[in-house]
Amino acid sequence: MPSSRTISCISILTVIISCIFVIIGIIGIILGPGILQKQINNNLPLKVDSDQLDSWATPPVPIYLQFWLWECINLAALSNGSS
């Protein structure tokens, strides 16, 4: 059975490691979006005669977008089964 001193040291170490992870997380939340945006801008520039621009302008895979819209004016009649 571990002594109370060992348990105390483990508890203190756990708190210290937890605080370090919290600090790293806060720094990541604050600085992360800027770093990510900078990497995207550096690695995927949309410049003339670049592969990224050609792929962006004419995507190699067709893109489909559909919208289905309904307007129900008489909900009571529709609920009763009439057309």
Protein backbone atom coordinates (compact mmCIF):
# COMPACT_ATOMS: atom_id res chain seq x y z
CA MET A 1 0.00 0.00 0.00
CA PRO A 2 1.45 3.38 -0.99
CA SER A 3 2.26 5.82 1.74
CA SER A 4 0.48 9.13 2.17
CA ARG A 5 3.61 10.94 0.97
CA THR A 6 3.57 8.96 -2.30
CA ILE A 7 -0.12 9.70 -2.81
CA SER A 8 0.55 13.39 -2.09
CA CYS A 9 3.39 13.51 -4.64
CA ILE A 10 1.24 11.80 -7.27
CA SER A 11 -1.60 14.23 -6.60
CA ILE A 12 0.68 17.25 -6.91
CA LEU A 13 2.22 15.87 -10.11
CA THR A 14 -1.25 15.26 -11.55
CA VAL A 15 -2.30 18.84 -10.78
CA ILE A 16 0.88 20.25 -12.34
CA ILE A 17 0.47 18.18 -15.52
CA SER A 18 -3.21 19.14 -15.71
CA CYS A 19 -2.32 22.83 -15.41
CA ILE A 20 0.24 22.47 -18.19
CA PHE A 21 -2.37 20.87 -20.46
CA VAL A 22 -4.89 23.63 -19.64
CA ILE A 23 -2.31 26.31 -20.48
CA ILE A 24 -1.43 24.57 -23.75
CA GLY A 25 -5.14 24.29 -24.57
CA ILE A 26 -5.79 27.97 -23.92
CA ILE A 27 -2.80 28.97 -26.04
CA GLY A 28 -4.06 26.65 -28.79
CA ILE A 29 -7.53 28.17 -28.69
CA ILE A 30 -6.14 31.70 -28.88
CA LEU A 31 -3.35 31.20 -31.42
CA GLY A 32 -4.61 28.14 -33.31
CA PRO A 33 -6.96 29.80 -35.83
CA GLY A 34 -4.32 32.35 -36.85
CA ILE A 35 -1.65 29.69 -37.29
CA LEU A 36 -4.05 27.51 -39.29
CA GLN A 37 -5.06 30.41 -41.55
CA LYS A 38 -1.40 31.31 -42.11
CA GLN A 39 -0.58 27.73 -43.12
CA ILE A 40 -3.55 27.62 -45.51
CA ASN A 41 -2.51 30.91 -47.11
CA ASN A 42 1.11 29.74 -47.47
CA ASN A 43 0.34 26.27 -48.83
CA LEU A 44 -2.72 26.95 -50.99
CA PRO A 45 -2.25 30.28 -52.75
CA LEU A 46 -4.75 31.08 -55.51
CA LYS A 47 -2.29 32.64 -57.94
CA VAL A 48 -2.33 32.74 -61.72
CA ASP A 49 -0.83 29.57 -63.29
CA SER A 50 -0.96 27.56 -60.07
CA ASP A 51 -2.35 24.06 -59.74
CA GLN A 52 -4.55 25.15 -56.88
CA LEU A 53 -6.22 27.84 -59.01
CA ASP A 54 -6.93 25.38 -61.82
CA SER A 55 -8.42 22.86 -59.40
CA TRP A 56 -10.46 25.57 -57.71
CA ALA A 57 -11.78 27.07 -60.96
CA THR A 58 -12.63 23.72 -62.56
CA PRO A 59 -12.92 21.05 -59.85
CA PRO A 60 -11.91 17.54 -60.95
CA VAL A 61 -15.02 16.08 -59.29
CA PRO A 62 -18.43 17.46 -60.28
CA ILE A 63 -20.19 19.39 -57.55
CA TYR A 64 -23.93 18.96 -57.24
CA LEU A 65 -26.16 21.21 -55.20
CA GLN A 66 -29.91 20.73 -54.97
CA PHE A 67 -32.57 22.59 -53.06
CA TRP A 68 -36.06 21.25 -52.45
CA LEU A 69 -38.54 23.89 -51.34
CA TRP A 70 -42.19 23.42 -50.42
CA GLU A 71 -44.76 25.94 -49.33
CA CYS A 72 -47.72 24.50 -47.50
CA ILE A 73 -50.56 27.03 -47.48
CA ASN A 74 -53.33 24.86 -46.05
CA LEU A 75 -51.75 22.53 -43.50
CA ALA A 76 -55.10 21.39 -42.07
CA ALA A 77 -56.33 20.10 -45.44
CA LEU A 78 -53.01 18.40 -46.09
CA SER A 79 -53.15 16.72 -42.69
CA ASN A 80 -56.64 15.37 -43.52
CA GLY A 81 -55.28 13.69 -46.64
CA SER A 82 -56.62 15.96 -49.37
CA SER A 83 -54.33 17.06 -52.14
